[in-house]
Amino acid sequence: MGDYWTTDRNSGSTTTGSARALTAGILMVGWVALLWILEGIDVATGHALDTYGISPREIAELRDVVPAAFLHSGWEHVASNSVPLLVLGFIAALGGLRRFAAVVVTIIVISGIGVWLTAPAFTVTLGASGVVFGLLGYLLVRGFVDRRPWDVLIGVGVAVVYGSLLWGVLPTDSGVSWQGHLFGLIGGVAAAFFFRRPPARRGPDNLVTV
């Protein structure tokens, strides 16, 4: 039996929304802090963690698909990813942590495998940019996939602020993994379809069941 509530019980919705915002904020601040801590460890150990980046088309390197998304090649690199990851991750996490976790895992796997398949030989790819582009793609299309006007408006706002990032999927800089960006974006769009929300079911007397 599903939970249900009448549409005029706004106080409960407000409380739930505040709790979700607090949880999403703590999660993303913790995530970004972890990236900085890992970079500090990497620098302190003479970049020993860079070995967990993705080297293409080596079977053993498939195990590095996940850790590579949490490592960076320097302070400037981690700084450039921190703000968009914090903002886009916070917005996405407001939709629920289980869905958010599934979306992020999908993005990391698709982005990482895409890099593994297509990156130039003898390169090592690491960084959270694939996740950033994945969350961007996810938020841009989520509202249309779920048919939720509010999420469509959020997607429009995200496009206005971060839409210029989409140029990063083009091979314009040999030192930047456009492959990670492109496959991250693809992963985010795919995740919006994989984890679409079912339409709300309305019962008698203006009740909504979920």
Protein backbone atom coordinates (compact mmCIF):
# COMPACT_ATOMS: atom_id res chain seq x y z
CA MET A 1 0.00 0.00 0.00
CA GLY A 2 1.45 3.37 -1.00
CA ASP A 3 1.68 6.44 1.22
CA TYR A 4 -0.90 9.11 0.59
CA TRP A 5 -1.71 12.65 1.61
CA THR A 6 -4.18 15.35 0.72
CA THR A 7 -2.95 18.10 -1.54
CA ASP A 8 -3.47 20.84 1.06
CA ARG A 9 -0.96 19.49 3.60
CA ASN A 10 1.79 21.93 2.71
CA SER A 11 3.61 21.91 6.05
CA GLY A 12 4.77 18.31 5.61
CA SER A 13 6.04 19.03 2.10
CA THR A 14 7.98 22.04 3.35
CA THR A 15 9.60 20.01 6.10
CA THR A 16 10.52 17.24 3.69
CA GLY A 17 11.94 19.76 1.22
CA SER A 18 14.08 21.39 3.91
CA ALA A 19 15.39 18.04 5.08
CA ARG A 20 16.25 17.05 1.50
CA ALA A 21 18.05 20.34 0.92
CA LEU A 22 20.08 19.91 4.10
CA THR A 23 20.97 16.32 3.24
CA ALA A 24 21.89 17.23 -0.34
CA GLY A 25 24.04 20.11 0.88
CA ILE A 26 25.91 17.99 3.40
CA LEU A 27 26.45 15.27 0.80
CA MET A 28 27.90 17.59 -1.82
CA VAL A 29 30.08 19.58 0.58
CA GLY A 30 31.44 16.26 1.84
CA TRP A 31 32.03 15.03 -1.70
CA VAL A 32 33.92 18.14 -2.75
CA ALA A 33 35.92 18.08 0.50
CA LEU A 34 36.89 14.48 -0.27
CA LEU A 35 38.22 15.54 -3.68
CA TRP A 36 40.45 18.16 -2.06
CA ILE A 37 41.66 15.70 0.59
CA LEU A 38 42.53 13.14 -2.08
CA GLU A 39 44.43 15.76 -4.06
CA GLY A 40 46.33 16.71 -0.93
CA ILE A 41 47.28 13.05 -0.42
CA ASP A 42 48.28 12.81 -4.08
CA VAL A 43 50.55 15.84 -3.83
CA ALA A 44 52.05 14.66 -0.53
CA THR A 45 52.89 11.25 -2.01
CA GLY A 46 54.47 12.58 -5.19
CA HIS A 47 51.30 11.99 -7.24
CA ALA A 48 51.17 8.31 -6.34
CA LEU A 49 47.37 8.31 -6.75
CA ASP A 50 47.64 9.21 -10.43
CA THR A 51 48.19 5.54 -11.13
CA TYR A 52 44.45 5.08 -10.53
CA GLY A 53 43.66 7.15 -13.62
CA ILE A 54 42.32 5.39 -16.72
CA SER A 55 44.81 4.09 -19.27
CA PRO A 56 42.88 3.16 -22.42
CA ARG A 57 42.27 -0.34 -23.73
CA GLU A 58 44.13 -2.16 -20.97
CA ILE A 59 41.84 -4.71 -19.34
CA ALA A 60 43.32 -4.20 -15.89
CA GLU A 61 42.54 -0.48 -16.11
CA LEU A 62 38.78 -1.08 -16.07
CA ARG A 63 39.04 -1.30 -12.28
CA ASP A 64 40.12 2.36 -12.26
CA VAL A 65 36.93 3.64 -13.89
CA VAL A 66 35.44 4.56 -10.50
CA PRO A 67 38.48 5.92 -8.59
CA ALA A 68 39.54 8.02 -11.59
CA ALA A 69 36.39 10.13 -11.14
CA PHE A 70 37.59 11.23 -7.68
CA LEU A 71 41.20 12.13 -8.55
CA HIS A 72 42.76 15.17 -10.22
CA SER A 73 46.01 16.27 -11.78
CA GLY A 74 46.60 19.32 -9.57
CA TRP A 75 45.01 21.99 -7.39
CA GLU A 76 43.84 24.02 -10.38
CA HIS A 77 42.16 20.95 -11.83
CA VAL A 78 40.23 20.09 -8.68
CA ALA A 79 39.31 23.76 -8.16
CA SER A 80 37.84 24.02 -11.66
CA ASN A 81 35.54 21.06 -10.99
CA SER A 82 34.53 21.88 -7.42
CA VAL A 83 31.95 24.64 -7.91
CA PRO A 84 30.00 23.12 -10.82
CA LEU A 85 30.04 19.71 -9.11
CA LEU A 86 28.78 21.27 -5.88
CA VAL A 87 25.98 23.23 -7.58
CA LEU A 88 24.82 20.63 -10.11
CA GLY A 89 25.15 17.79 -7.61
CA PHE A 90 23.11 19.68 -5.02
CA ILE A 91 20.29 20.34 -7.49
CA ALA A 92 20.26 16.73 -8.68
CA ALA A 93 20.39 15.32 -5.14
CA LEU A 94 17.25 17.25 -4.18
CA GLY A 95 15.34 14.65 -6.18
CA GLY A 96 16.24 11.93 -3.67
CA LEU A 97 19.49 10.28 -2.65
CA ARG A 98 18.79 6.80 -4.01
CA ARG A 99 17.98 8.16 -7.44
CA PHE A 100 20.97 10.51 -7.26
CA ALA A 101 23.32 7.65 -6.36
CA ALA A 102 22.02 5.58 -9.27
CA VAL A 103 22.45 8.52 -11.64
CA VAL A 104 26.02 9.21 -10.50
CA VAL A 105 27.06 5.56 -10.77
CA THR A 106 25.62 5.41 -14.29
CA ILE A 107 27.50 8.56 -15.29
CA ILE A 108 30.80 7.37 -13.84
CA VAL A 109 30.58 3.98 -15.53
CA ILE A 110 29.54 5.29 -18.97
CA SER A 111 32.04 8.14 -18.87
CA GLY A 112 34.86 5.90 -17.67
CA ILE A 113 34.25 3.12 -20.16
CA GLY A 114 33.92 5.69 -22.94
CA VAL A 115 37.32 7.09 -22.01
CA TRP A 116 38.78 3.59 -21.79
CA LEU A 117 37.55 2.81 -25.30
CA THR A 118 38.38 6.08 -27.09
CA ALA A 119 41.15 8.00 -25.31
CA PRO A 120 44.50 8.28 -27.11
CA ALA A 121 47.03 5.56 -26.37
CA PHE A 122 49.60 6.12 -23.62
CA THR A 123 47.44 8.70 -21.81
CA VAL A 124 46.07 8.71 -18.26
CA THR A 125 42.67 10.28 -17.68
CA LEU A 126 41.32 11.32 -14.30
CA GLY A 127 39.04 13.96 -12.84
CA ALA A 128 35.42 14.69 -11.91
CA SER A 129 34.68 16.51 -15.18
CA GLY A 130 32.83 13.49 -16.56
CA VAL A 131 30.50 13.59 -13.56
CA VAL A 132 30.01 17.35 -13.97
CA PHE A 133 29.05 16.95 -17.62
CA GLY A 134 26.86 13.98 -16.74
CA LEU A 135 24.93 15.92 -14.11
CA LEU A 136 24.58 18.79 -16.57
CA GLY A 137 23.07 16.48 -19.19
CA TYR A 138 20.85 14.84 -16.61
CA LEU A 139 19.42 18.12 -15.35
CA LEU A 140 18.93 19.49 -18.86
CA VAL A 141 16.64 16.63 -19.93
CA ARG A 142 15.20 15.32 -16.66
CA GLY A 143 12.17 17.59 -16.68
CA PHE A 144 11.23 16.63 -20.23
CA VAL A 145 11.66 12.92 -19.54
CA ASP A 146 9.65 13.04 -16.30
CA ARG A 147 7.16 15.55 -17.77
CA ARG A 148 7.52 17.81 -14.77
CA PRO A 149 7.27 21.55 -15.57
CA TRP A 150 9.23 22.60 -12.48
CA ASP A 151 12.18 20.41 -13.45
CA VAL A 152 11.99 21.77 -16.99
CA LEU A 153 12.40 25.29 -15.55
CA ILE A 154 15.31 24.10 -13.44
CA GLY A 155 16.89 22.65 -16.58
CA VAL A 156 16.48 25.97 -18.37
CA GLY A 157 18.16 27.76 -15.47
CA VAL A 158 21.02 25.26 -15.50
CA ALA A 159 21.40 25.77 -19.26
CA VAL A 160 21.64 29.54 -18.82
CA VAL A 161 24.33 29.29 -16.14
CA TYR A 162 26.32 26.26 -17.30
CA GLY A 163 25.30 25.72 -20.92
CA SER A 164 28.64 27.05 -22.17
CA LEU A 165 30.30 23.96 -20.67
CA LEU A 166 28.87 21.96 -23.55
CA TRP A 167 31.69 23.25 -25.76
CA GLY A 168 33.92 20.97 -23.68
CA VAL A 169 32.68 17.92 -25.60
CA LEU A 170 34.62 19.14 -28.64
CA PRO A 171 38.27 18.14 -29.17
CA THR A 172 39.65 21.67 -28.84
CA ASP A 173 42.39 21.10 -26.23
CA SER A 174 44.81 18.19 -26.41
CA GLY A 175 45.35 18.32 -22.65
CA VAL A 176 41.65 17.98 -21.79
CA SER A 177 39.67 14.74 -22.06
CA TRP A 178 36.80 15.71 -24.33
CA GLN A 179 36.03 11.98 -24.37
CA GLY A 180 35.30 12.07 -20.65
CA HIS A 181 33.11 15.12 -21.13
CA LEU A 182 31.20 13.66 -24.06
CA PHE A 183 30.58 10.25 -22.52
CA GLY A 184 29.75 11.85 -19.19
CA LEU A 185 27.09 13.93 -20.93
CA ILE A 186 25.77 10.82 -22.67
CA GLY A 187 25.70 9.01 -19.33
CA GLY A 188 23.68 11.79 -17.71
CA VAL A 189 21.11 11.85 -20.50
CA ALA A 190 20.87 8.05 -20.38
CA ALA A 191 20.41 8.15 -16.60
CA ALA A 192 17.46 10.53 -16.99
CA PHE A 193 15.73 7.85 -19.08
CA PHE A 194 16.89 4.89 -16.99
CA PHE A 195 15.61 6.39 -13.75
CA ARG A 196 12.61 8.38 -14.94
CA ARG A 197 9.88 8.95 -12.38
CA PRO A 198 6.53 7.24 -12.88
CA PRO A 199 3.56 9.61 -13.20
CA ALA A 200 1.72 10.42 -9.99
CA ARG A 201 -1.46 8.40 -9.41
CA ARG A 202 -4.50 10.33 -8.29
CA GLY A 203 -7.10 8.66 -6.16
CA PRO A 204 -10.56 9.78 -5.07
CA ASP A 205 -11.21 13.02 -3.17
CA ASN A 206 -8.12 14.71 -4.57
CA LEU A 207 -5.67 12.31 -2.93
CA VAL A 208 -2.27 11.66 -4.46
CA THR A 209 -0.67 8.25 -3.98
CA VAL A 210 3.02 7.52 -4.50
